[in-house]
Amino acid sequence: MRYTILFFLLFVVAVGNALRCMVLTDIKKQPENCGKGEVYCVTYKMKTRVKKFCATKFDCKRISSMALPGEKVTCCDKDMCNA
């Protein structure tokens, strides 16, 4: 019984510590809890649209390096920092 309670508490703490970002796509705009390893909120401003999503550190660097002239990528690491 103790292990069940301990596991439950660890799960709640782990889920409670997830980064929360605004997610904006062509069909959706809502806050979401990021997945494991996704430690950045990203705002990707293209010429005609904006995308917002959760990303890993690697993905954030990769997306930033691949941005075309006139596009802007911003990565931040606080809850809802891309809202």
C-alpha atoms as a PDB file:
ATOM      1  CA  MET A   1       0.000   0.000   0.000  1.00  0.00           C
ATOM      2  CA  ARG A   2       2.841   2.391   0.823  1.00  0.00           C
ATOM      3  CA  TYR A   3       4.409   1.869  -2.575  1.00  0.00           C
ATOM      4  CA  THR A   4       1.123   2.603  -4.313  1.00  0.00           C
ATOM      5  CA  ILE A   5       0.752   5.894  -2.473  1.00  0.00           C
ATOM      6  CA  LEU A   6       4.400   6.801  -3.091  1.00  0.00           C
ATOM      7  CA  PHE A   7       4.088   6.015  -6.802  1.00  0.00           C
ATOM      8  CA  PHE A   8       0.913   8.095  -7.048  1.00  0.00           C
ATOM      9  CA  LEU A   9       2.548  11.075  -5.319  1.00  0.00           C
ATOM     10  CA  LEU A  10       5.608  10.873  -7.565  1.00  0.00           C
ATOM     11  CA  PHE A  11       3.341  10.746 -10.619  1.00  0.00           C
ATOM     12  CA  VAL A  12       1.390  13.812  -9.468  1.00  0.00           C
ATOM     13  CA  VAL A  13       4.605  15.744  -8.817  1.00  0.00           C
ATOM     14  CA  ALA A  14       6.067  14.739 -12.184  1.00  0.00           C
ATOM     15  CA  VAL A  15       2.920  15.717 -14.070  1.00  0.00           C
ATOM     16  CA  GLY A  16       2.586  18.904 -12.056  1.00  0.00           C
ATOM     17  CA  ASN A  17       6.076  20.002 -13.090  1.00  0.00           C
ATOM     18  CA  ALA A  18       5.403  19.804 -16.839  1.00  0.00           C
ATOM     19  CA  LEU A  19       5.975  23.003 -18.785  1.00  0.00           C
ATOM     20  CA  ARG A  20       2.767  24.598 -20.010  1.00  0.00           C
ATOM     21  CA  CYS A  21       2.786  26.332 -23.418  1.00  0.00           C
ATOM     22  CA  MET A  22       0.318  27.916 -25.790  1.00  0.00           C
ATOM     23  CA  VAL A  23      -0.209  25.678 -28.814  1.00  0.00           C
ATOM     24  CA  LEU A  24      -1.317  27.439 -31.988  1.00  0.00           C
ATOM     25  CA  THR A  25      -1.774  25.620 -35.287  1.00  0.00           C
ATOM     26  CA  ASP A  26      -4.067  26.081 -38.266  1.00  0.00           C
ATOM     27  CA  ILE A  27      -6.836  24.200 -36.446  1.00  0.00           C
ATOM     28  CA  LYS A  28      -6.156  24.678 -32.735  1.00  0.00           C
ATOM     29  CA  LYS A  29      -5.322  27.388 -30.195  1.00  0.00           C
ATOM     30  CA  GLN A  30      -5.118  26.286 -26.585  1.00  0.00           C
ATOM     31  CA  PRO A  31      -2.734  25.905 -23.650  1.00  0.00           C
ATOM     32  CA  GLU A  32      -1.227  22.434 -23.264  1.00  0.00           C
ATOM     33  CA  ASN A  33       1.098  20.598 -20.906  1.00  0.00           C
ATOM     34  CA  CYS A  34       4.302  19.715 -22.711  1.00  0.00           C
ATOM     35  CA  GLY A  35       5.527  16.163 -22.953  1.00  0.00           C
ATOM     36  CA  LYS A  36       8.556  14.645 -21.281  1.00  0.00           C
ATOM     37  CA  GLY A  37      11.727  16.283 -22.569  1.00  0.00           C
ATOM     38  CA  GLU A  38       9.891  19.245 -24.072  1.00  0.00           C
ATOM     39  CA  VAL A  39      11.444  22.055 -22.056  1.00  0.00           C
ATOM     40  CA  TYR A  40      10.796  25.033 -24.341  1.00  0.00           C
ATOM     41  CA  CYS A  41       7.774  26.911 -25.608  1.00  0.00           C
ATOM     42  CA  VAL A  42       8.320  28.005 -29.207  1.00  0.00           C
ATOM     43  CA  THR A  43       6.835  30.824 -31.247  1.00  0.00           C
ATOM     44  CA  TYR A  44       7.611  30.466 -34.952  1.00  0.00           C
ATOM     45  CA  LYS A  45       6.619  33.569 -36.936  1.00  0.00           C
ATOM     46  CA  MET A  46       6.557  32.949 -40.662  1.00  0.00           C
ATOM     47  CA  LYS A  47       5.672  35.471 -43.350  1.00  0.00           C
ATOM     48  CA  THR A  48       1.972  34.624 -43.406  1.00  0.00           C
ATOM     49  CA  ARG A  49       1.284  32.711 -40.185  1.00  0.00           C
ATOM     50  CA  VAL A  50       2.382  31.948 -36.642  1.00  0.00           C
ATOM     51  CA  LYS A  51       2.870  28.551 -34.998  1.00  0.00           C
ATOM     52  CA  LYS A  52       3.252  27.963 -31.256  1.00  0.00           C
ATOM     53  CA  PHE A  53       4.196  24.646 -29.675  1.00  0.00           C
ATOM     54  CA  CYS A  54       6.301  22.708 -27.150  1.00  0.00           C
ATOM     55  CA  ALA A  55       9.789  21.582 -28.159  1.00  0.00           C
ATOM     56  CA  THR A  56      12.895  19.846 -26.902  1.00  0.00           C
ATOM     57  CA  LYS A  57      16.145  21.780 -26.544  1.00  0.00           C
ATOM     58  CA  PHE A  58      17.473  20.052 -29.676  1.00  0.00           C
ATOM     59  CA  ASP A  59      14.361  20.896 -31.715  1.00  0.00           C
ATOM     60  CA  CYS A  60      14.452  24.524 -30.599  1.00  0.00           C
ATOM     61  CA  LYS A  61      18.049  24.911 -31.788  1.00  0.00           C
ATOM     62  CA  ARG A  62      17.324  23.068 -35.047  1.00  0.00           C
ATOM     63  CA  ILE A  63      14.222  25.115 -35.867  1.00  0.00           C
ATOM     64  CA  SER A  64      16.052  28.361 -35.053  1.00  0.00           C
ATOM     65  CA  SER A  65      18.952  27.467 -37.332  1.00  0.00           C
ATOM     66  CA  MET A  66      16.605  26.534 -40.208  1.00  0.00           C
ATOM     67  CA  ALA A  67      14.505  29.715 -40.121  1.00  0.00           C
ATOM     68  CA  LEU A  68      14.407  31.553 -43.432  1.00  0.00           C
ATOM     69  CA  PRO A  69      15.045  35.293 -43.807  1.00  0.00           C
ATOM     70  CA  GLY A  70      11.990  37.176 -42.579  1.00  0.00           C
ATOM     71  CA  GLU A  71      11.032  34.381 -40.167  1.00  0.00           C
ATOM     72  CA  LYS A  72      11.571  34.574 -36.411  1.00  0.00           C
ATOM     73  CA  VAL A  73      11.857  31.743 -33.893  1.00  0.00           C
ATOM     74  CA  THR A  74      11.633  32.445 -30.169  1.00  0.00           C
ATOM     75  CA  CYS A  75      12.227  29.762 -27.536  1.00  0.00           C
ATOM     76  CA  CYS A  76      11.425  30.365 -23.864  1.00  0.00           C
ATOM     77  CA  ASP A  77      11.292  28.146 -20.798  1.00  0.00           C
ATOM     78  CA  LYS A  78       8.609  29.551 -18.470  1.00  0.00           C
ATOM     79  CA  ASP A  79       4.963  28.482 -18.260  1.00  0.00           C
ATOM     80  CA  MET A  80       2.862  30.172 -20.960  1.00  0.00           C
ATOM     81  CA  CYS A  81       5.783  32.382 -22.042  1.00  0.00           C
ATOM     82  CA  ASN A  82       4.680  32.085 -25.686  1.00  0.00           C
ATOM     83  CA  ALA A  83       1.059  33.103 -25.041  1.00  0.00           C
END
